Amino acid sequence: MTNLLTIGAKGRANQFSGVRTRYLFCCPAKLPGFLGGISRWVAAQDDRGIYLNLYIGGTLEVALPSQKIVLRQQTQYPWDGHVLITVTPQQRAEFDLCLRLPGWAQGRLMPSDLYRFDHATPVNWSVTVNGAPLALGKLENGYLRLRRVWQAGDVVELNLPMPVHRVYSHDNVTFTRGKTALYRGPLLYCLEGVDNPGFSVLNLVLPASTAFRAEHRADLLGGVTVLHGSGLADGKNPVECTAIPYYAWENRGIYEMTAWLVHEEHPSGRSAPDGDNPLP
């Protein structure tokens, strides 16, 4: 019997190839359940109020003990960090509206030190209610708690800037030592050969000084934001490079792809631009 797990893991010409020719398609079967469950994850509630977990354009209805509250979200997240939330209670009422501040916006990729951003600085996020800036207090378990007497038509505006981050893994992860990945907002990016002709993405080196700019492409892969920057093909020849969201690769034919890129040593000699190494 053919070992399907082996095919899924090793469907390459050789161990150094960046092109897979065979796949184990396990994820599509999970997609219907995932889409069907989104409505259960967008928001939650307790006896103090409503917790907005996911920023997705649409309208949801939350039943509080005293009345029903309608929240309408307008956003292009994850391509843009601008979120408008219109609050419509049936009648004026005091309750908490808690906005989740994603970990990436707080300057951390995950709670552990397995992966980390180059700069662990929170983005310069802001919140207004009906156009008036709020004095932002301390987050509670990752949520910004807004308590007020809400009335129909109140508008909350959340702005989450999305700089491009480099990601580094723990030094004990041998495969990714000396390499970096690209993140923008909540999305991981990768380089695919179809967008980068003339050189191998597997041999691209990213100089420490390279900055990336974001461009939204409505005509590409159903509408995605890509990243443009520069690197060194084979570690020596300057080239322009383009990265796409990792989830969207392998939709335009079979090409080389990598999410981990060799990074040029910073002049300080450290492995990350800010020298924030989790090991002594």
Protein backbone atom coordinates (compact mmCIF):
# COMPACT_ATOMS: atom_id res chain seq x y z
CA MET A 1 0.00 0.00 0.00
CA THR A 2 1.29 3.49 -0.84
CA ASN A 3 2.10 5.63 2.17
CA LEU A 4 0.10 8.81 1.54
CA LEU A 5 1.85 10.68 4.32
CA THR A 6 5.18 10.01 2.66
CA ILE A 7 3.89 11.32 -0.67
CA GLY A 8 2.58 14.47 1.01
CA ALA A 9 5.90 15.12 2.70
CA LYS A 10 8.37 14.01 0.06
CA GLY A 11 6.73 14.72 -3.29
CA ARG A 12 9.86 16.48 -4.60
CA ALA A 13 12.49 15.61 -7.18
CA ASN A 14 15.08 15.57 -4.38
CA GLN A 15 15.57 16.90 -0.87
CA PHE A 16 16.93 20.22 -2.16
CA SER A 17 14.11 20.91 -4.63
CA GLY A 18 11.69 23.74 -3.98
CA VAL A 19 9.09 22.23 -6.30
CA ARG A 20 6.59 19.63 -5.18
CA THR A 21 4.98 17.44 -7.83
CA ARG A 22 2.66 15.35 -5.62
CA TYR A 23 0.43 16.40 -2.74
CA LEU A 24 -1.85 15.02 -0.10
CA PHE A 25 -4.86 17.32 -0.29
CA CYS A 26 -6.12 17.11 3.27
CA CYS A 27 -7.21 20.71 3.81
CA PRO A 28 -10.08 21.14 1.27
CA ALA A 29 -12.20 18.60 3.12
CA LYS A 30 -11.96 20.75 6.26
CA LEU A 31 -12.96 23.97 4.50
CA PRO A 32 -16.78 23.55 4.69
CA GLY A 33 -16.62 23.03 8.44
CA PHE A 34 -14.32 25.99 8.87
CA LEU A 35 -16.56 28.33 6.88
CA GLY A 36 -19.64 27.03 8.64
CA GLY A 37 -18.07 27.73 12.01
CA ILE A 38 -16.90 31.31 11.41
CA SER A 39 -20.12 32.78 12.78
CA ARG A 40 -19.42 31.11 16.14
CA TRP A 41 -15.97 32.69 16.40
CA VAL A 42 -16.55 36.28 15.26
CA ALA A 43 -17.90 37.39 18.63
CA ALA A 44 -18.45 36.11 22.16
CA GLN A 45 -20.26 37.46 25.21
CA ASP A 46 -20.45 37.28 28.96
CA ASP A 47 -22.41 39.11 31.65
CA ARG A 48 -20.30 42.27 31.10
CA GLY A 49 -20.68 42.66 27.36
CA ILE A 50 -19.55 41.65 23.87
CA TYR A 51 -16.11 40.52 22.72
CA LEU A 52 -15.31 41.11 19.05
CA ASN A 53 -12.75 38.46 18.07
CA LEU A 54 -12.55 38.54 14.26
CA TYR A 55 -12.59 41.53 11.96
CA ILE A 56 -14.79 40.46 9.05
CA GLY A 57 -17.10 42.62 6.96
CA GLY A 58 -20.73 41.81 7.73
CA THR A 59 -23.48 42.10 10.31
CA LEU A 60 -24.00 40.07 13.45
CA GLU A 61 -26.64 40.02 16.16
CA VAL A 62 -25.81 39.42 19.80
CA ALA A 63 -28.49 38.67 22.39
CA LEU A 64 -27.67 40.29 25.73
CA PRO A 65 -29.92 39.57 28.74
CA SER A 66 -31.74 42.89 28.30
CA GLN A 67 -31.92 43.23 24.51
CA LYS A 68 -30.43 42.39 21.14
CA ILE A 69 -27.41 44.30 19.83
CA VAL A 70 -26.56 44.53 16.13
CA LEU A 71 -22.93 45.10 15.15
CA ARG A 72 -22.05 45.96 11.57
CA GLN A 73 -18.41 45.67 10.54
CA GLN A 74 -16.96 47.40 7.47
CA THR A 75 -13.38 46.42 6.72
CA GLN A 76 -10.94 45.03 4.15
CA TYR A 77 -9.02 43.14 6.85
CA PRO A 78 -6.57 41.35 6.52
CA TRP A 79 -5.40 43.58 3.65
CA ASP A 80 -6.09 46.76 5.58
CA GLY A 81 -6.23 47.37 9.32
CA HIS A 82 -9.05 49.94 9.18
CA VAL A 83 -12.24 48.64 10.83
CA LEU A 84 -15.54 50.52 11.22
CA ILE A 85 -18.04 49.07 13.69
CA THR A 86 -21.57 50.47 13.85
CA VAL A 87 -23.35 49.64 17.11
CA THR A 88 -27.15 49.41 17.07
CA PRO A 89 -28.86 48.47 20.35
CA GLN A 90 -32.64 48.30 20.43
CA GLN A 91 -32.52 50.96 23.12
CA ARG A 92 -29.86 52.96 24.93
CA ALA A 93 -27.87 50.69 27.20
CA GLU A 94 -24.59 50.49 29.07
CA PHE A 95 -22.38 47.52 28.29
CA ASP A 96 -18.80 46.67 27.33
CA LEU A 97 -17.66 46.34 23.74
CA CYS A 98 -14.29 44.61 23.82
CA LEU A 99 -12.03 44.77 20.77
CA ARG A 100 -9.37 42.11 20.35
CA LEU A 101 -5.94 43.49 19.62
CA PRO A 102 -4.14 40.77 17.62
CA GLY A 103 -0.79 39.55 18.83
CA TRP A 104 0.97 40.82 15.69
CA ALA A 105 -0.28 44.34 16.49
CA GLN A 106 1.19 43.99 20.00
CA GLY A 107 4.62 43.21 18.55
CA ARG A 108 4.59 39.47 19.20
CA LEU A 109 3.92 36.61 16.82
CA MET A 110 3.03 34.03 19.46
CA PRO A 111 3.18 33.63 23.25
CA SER A 112 6.34 31.50 23.14
CA ASP A 113 9.80 32.38 21.80
CA LEU A 114 9.62 29.82 18.98
CA TYR A 115 9.08 32.64 16.46
CA ARG A 116 9.62 36.35 16.95
CA PHE A 117 9.42 39.59 15.00
CA ASP A 118 12.52 41.62 14.22
CA HIS A 119 11.09 44.47 16.31
CA ALA A 120 8.90 43.63 19.30
CA THR A 121 7.26 47.06 19.28
CA PRO A 122 3.44 47.36 19.16
CA VAL A 123 2.05 49.14 16.11
CA ASN A 124 0.72 52.66 16.59
CA TRP A 125 -2.92 51.60 16.76
CA SER A 126 -5.80 53.94 17.59
CA VAL A 127 -9.51 53.84 18.45
CA THR A 128 -12.21 56.50 18.14
CA VAL A 129 -15.90 56.52 19.06
CA ASN A 130 -18.03 58.82 16.93
CA GLY A 131 -14.82 60.50 15.75
CA ALA A 132 -13.51 61.28 19.24
CA PRO A 133 -10.12 59.70 20.11
CA LEU A 134 -10.09 57.53 23.21
CA ALA A 135 -7.55 57.58 25.99
CA LEU A 136 -6.35 54.00 25.67
CA GLY A 137 -6.01 52.05 28.87
CA LYS A 138 -4.31 48.77 29.62
CA LEU A 139 -5.37 45.76 27.59
CA GLU A 140 -7.23 43.02 29.45
CA ASN A 141 -6.16 39.61 28.17
CA GLY A 142 -5.57 41.09 24.73
CA TYR A 143 -8.82 43.07 24.57
CA LEU A 144 -9.47 46.79 24.69
CA ARG A 145 -12.57 47.22 26.85
CA LEU A 146 -14.88 50.09 25.84
CA ARG A 147 -17.59 50.73 28.43
CA ARG A 148 -20.18 53.40 27.76
CA VAL A 149 -23.88 53.99 27.23
CA TRP A 150 -24.37 52.92 23.65
CA GLN A 151 -27.11 54.15 21.35
CA ALA A 152 -28.12 53.35 17.81
CA GLY A 153 -25.66 54.71 15.25
CA ASP A 154 -22.58 54.87 17.46
CA VAL A 155 -19.50 54.19 15.34
CA VAL A 156 -16.23 52.71 16.59
CA GLU A 157 -13.20 53.12 14.34
CA LEU A 158 -10.18 50.87 14.91
CA ASN A 159 -6.95 51.48 13.02
CA LEU A 160 -4.22 48.83 13.00
CA PRO A 161 -1.20 49.84 10.87
CA MET A 162 0.37 46.92 9.01
CA PRO A 163 4.14 47.27 8.66
CA VAL A 164 6.11 44.45 7.05
CA HIS A 165 7.95 42.41 9.67
CA ARG A 166 10.77 39.95 9.38
CA VAL A 167 10.30 36.80 11.42
CA TYR A 168 13.06 34.73 13.02
CA SER A 169 12.78 31.35 14.68
CA HIS A 170 14.46 30.17 17.85
CA ASP A 171 18.14 29.44 17.31
CA ASN A 172 17.56 25.81 18.26
CA VAL A 173 15.51 25.32 15.07
CA THR A 174 18.32 24.17 12.82
CA PHE A 175 16.50 24.39 9.48
CA THR A 176 15.63 28.09 9.80
CA ARG A 177 18.85 29.24 11.44
CA GLY A 178 20.22 32.18 9.44
CA LYS A 179 16.90 32.60 7.63
CA THR A 180 13.99 34.99 7.83
CA ALA A 181 10.33 35.02 6.79
CA LEU A 182 8.04 37.94 5.95
CA TYR A 183 4.84 38.91 7.72
CA ARG A 184 2.37 41.72 7.11
CA GLY A 185 -0.53 42.05 9.51
CA PRO A 186 -1.74 38.52 10.31
CA LEU A 187 -0.40 36.95 7.10
CA LEU A 188 2.75 34.99 6.34
CA TYR A 189 4.26 35.60 2.88
CA CYS A 190 6.29 33.49 0.50
CA LEU A 191 8.19 33.85 -2.76
CA GLU A 192 7.03 31.79 -5.73
CA GLY A 193 8.97 31.30 -8.94
CA VAL A 194 6.16 32.52 -11.20
CA ASP A 195 6.48 36.03 -9.71
CA ASN A 196 10.27 35.99 -9.68
CA PRO A 197 11.59 34.84 -13.07
CA GLY A 198 15.27 34.78 -13.86
CA PHE A 199 16.56 33.53 -10.52
CA SER A 200 15.90 30.81 -7.97
CA VAL A 201 13.91 31.97 -4.95
CA LEU A 202 15.68 29.23 -2.98
CA ASN A 203 19.00 31.03 -3.38
CA LEU A 204 17.78 34.58 -2.73
CA VAL A 205 19.49 36.50 0.06
CA LEU A 206 17.74 39.42 1.75
CA PRO A 207 20.07 42.27 2.77
CA ALA A 208 19.46 43.66 6.23
CA SER A 209 18.65 47.06 4.69
CA THR A 210 15.91 45.80 2.33
CA ALA A 211 12.52 47.42 2.89
CA PHE A 212 9.31 46.04 1.39
CA ARG A 213 6.33 47.98 0.10
CA ALA A 214 2.80 46.63 -0.08
CA GLU A 215 0.62 46.77 -3.20
CA HIS A 216 -2.95 45.51 -3.43
CA ARG A 217 -3.58 43.57 -6.63
CA ALA A 218 -7.30 43.13 -7.29
CA ASP A 219 -6.45 41.19 -10.48
CA LEU A 220 -4.25 38.59 -8.81
CA LEU A 221 -5.35 35.38 -7.06
CA GLY A 222 -8.81 36.72 -6.33
CA GLY A 223 -7.44 39.97 -4.92
CA VAL A 224 -4.38 39.94 -2.69
CA THR A 225 -1.81 42.35 -1.30
CA VAL A 226 1.71 41.54 -2.50
CA LEU A 227 5.06 42.73 -1.20
CA HIS A 228 7.79 44.22 -3.39
CA GLY A 229 11.42 44.47 -2.37
CA SER A 230 14.92 43.64 -3.50
CA GLY A 231 17.44 40.92 -2.80
CA LEU A 232 20.58 39.24 -4.02
CA ALA A 233 20.19 36.31 -6.41
CA ASP A 234 22.74 33.64 -5.48
CA GLY A 235 23.85 36.05 -2.76
CA LYS A 236 25.49 38.50 -5.19
CA ASN A 237 23.29 39.74 -8.08
CA PRO A 238 20.78 42.52 -7.20
CA VAL A 239 17.22 41.63 -8.25
CA GLU A 240 13.70 42.82 -7.57
CA CYS A 241 11.49 40.30 -5.81
CA THR A 242 7.78 39.86 -5.09
CA ALA A 243 6.12 37.95 -2.25
CA ILE A 244 2.53 36.71 -2.11
CA PRO A 245 0.45 35.49 0.86
CA TYR A 246 1.55 31.98 1.75
CA TYR A 247 -1.99 30.59 1.56
CA ALA A 248 -2.23 31.53 -2.15
CA TRP A 249 0.77 29.69 -3.56
CA GLU A 250 0.56 26.83 -6.10
CA ASN A 251 -2.46 28.30 -7.90
CA ARG A 252 -0.69 29.17 -11.15
CA GLY A 253 1.28 26.05 -11.99
CA ILE A 254 4.20 24.20 -10.42
CA TYR A 255 7.06 26.52 -9.45
CA GLU A 256 9.69 26.85 -6.77
CA MET A 257 8.39 28.31 -3.54
CA THR A 258 9.92 29.23 -0.21
CA ALA A 259 8.78 31.13 2.86
CA TRP A 260 12.21 31.09 4.54
CA LEU A 261 14.91 33.24 2.94
CA VAL A 262 18.58 33.51 3.77
CA HIS A 263 19.21 36.87 5.38
CA GLU A 264 22.37 38.90 5.14
CA GLU A 265 24.14 39.39 8.44
CA HIS A 266 23.49 42.71 10.09
CA PRO A 267 26.59 44.93 10.42
CA SER A 268 26.47 44.36 14.17
CA GLY A 269 27.17 40.69 13.51
CA ARG A 270 23.90 39.64 15.14
CA SER A 271 21.29 37.56 13.39
CA ALA A 272 18.40 40.03 13.70
CA PRO A 273 18.28 43.77 13.00
CA ASP A 274 17.47 44.65 16.61
CA GLY A 275 19.75 41.98 18.11
CA ASP A 276 16.82 40.61 20.12
CA ASN A 277 18.10 37.05 20.42
CA PRO A 278 16.19 34.80 22.84
CA LEU A 279 19.34 32.86 23.70
CA PRO A 280 22.30 34.16 25.74
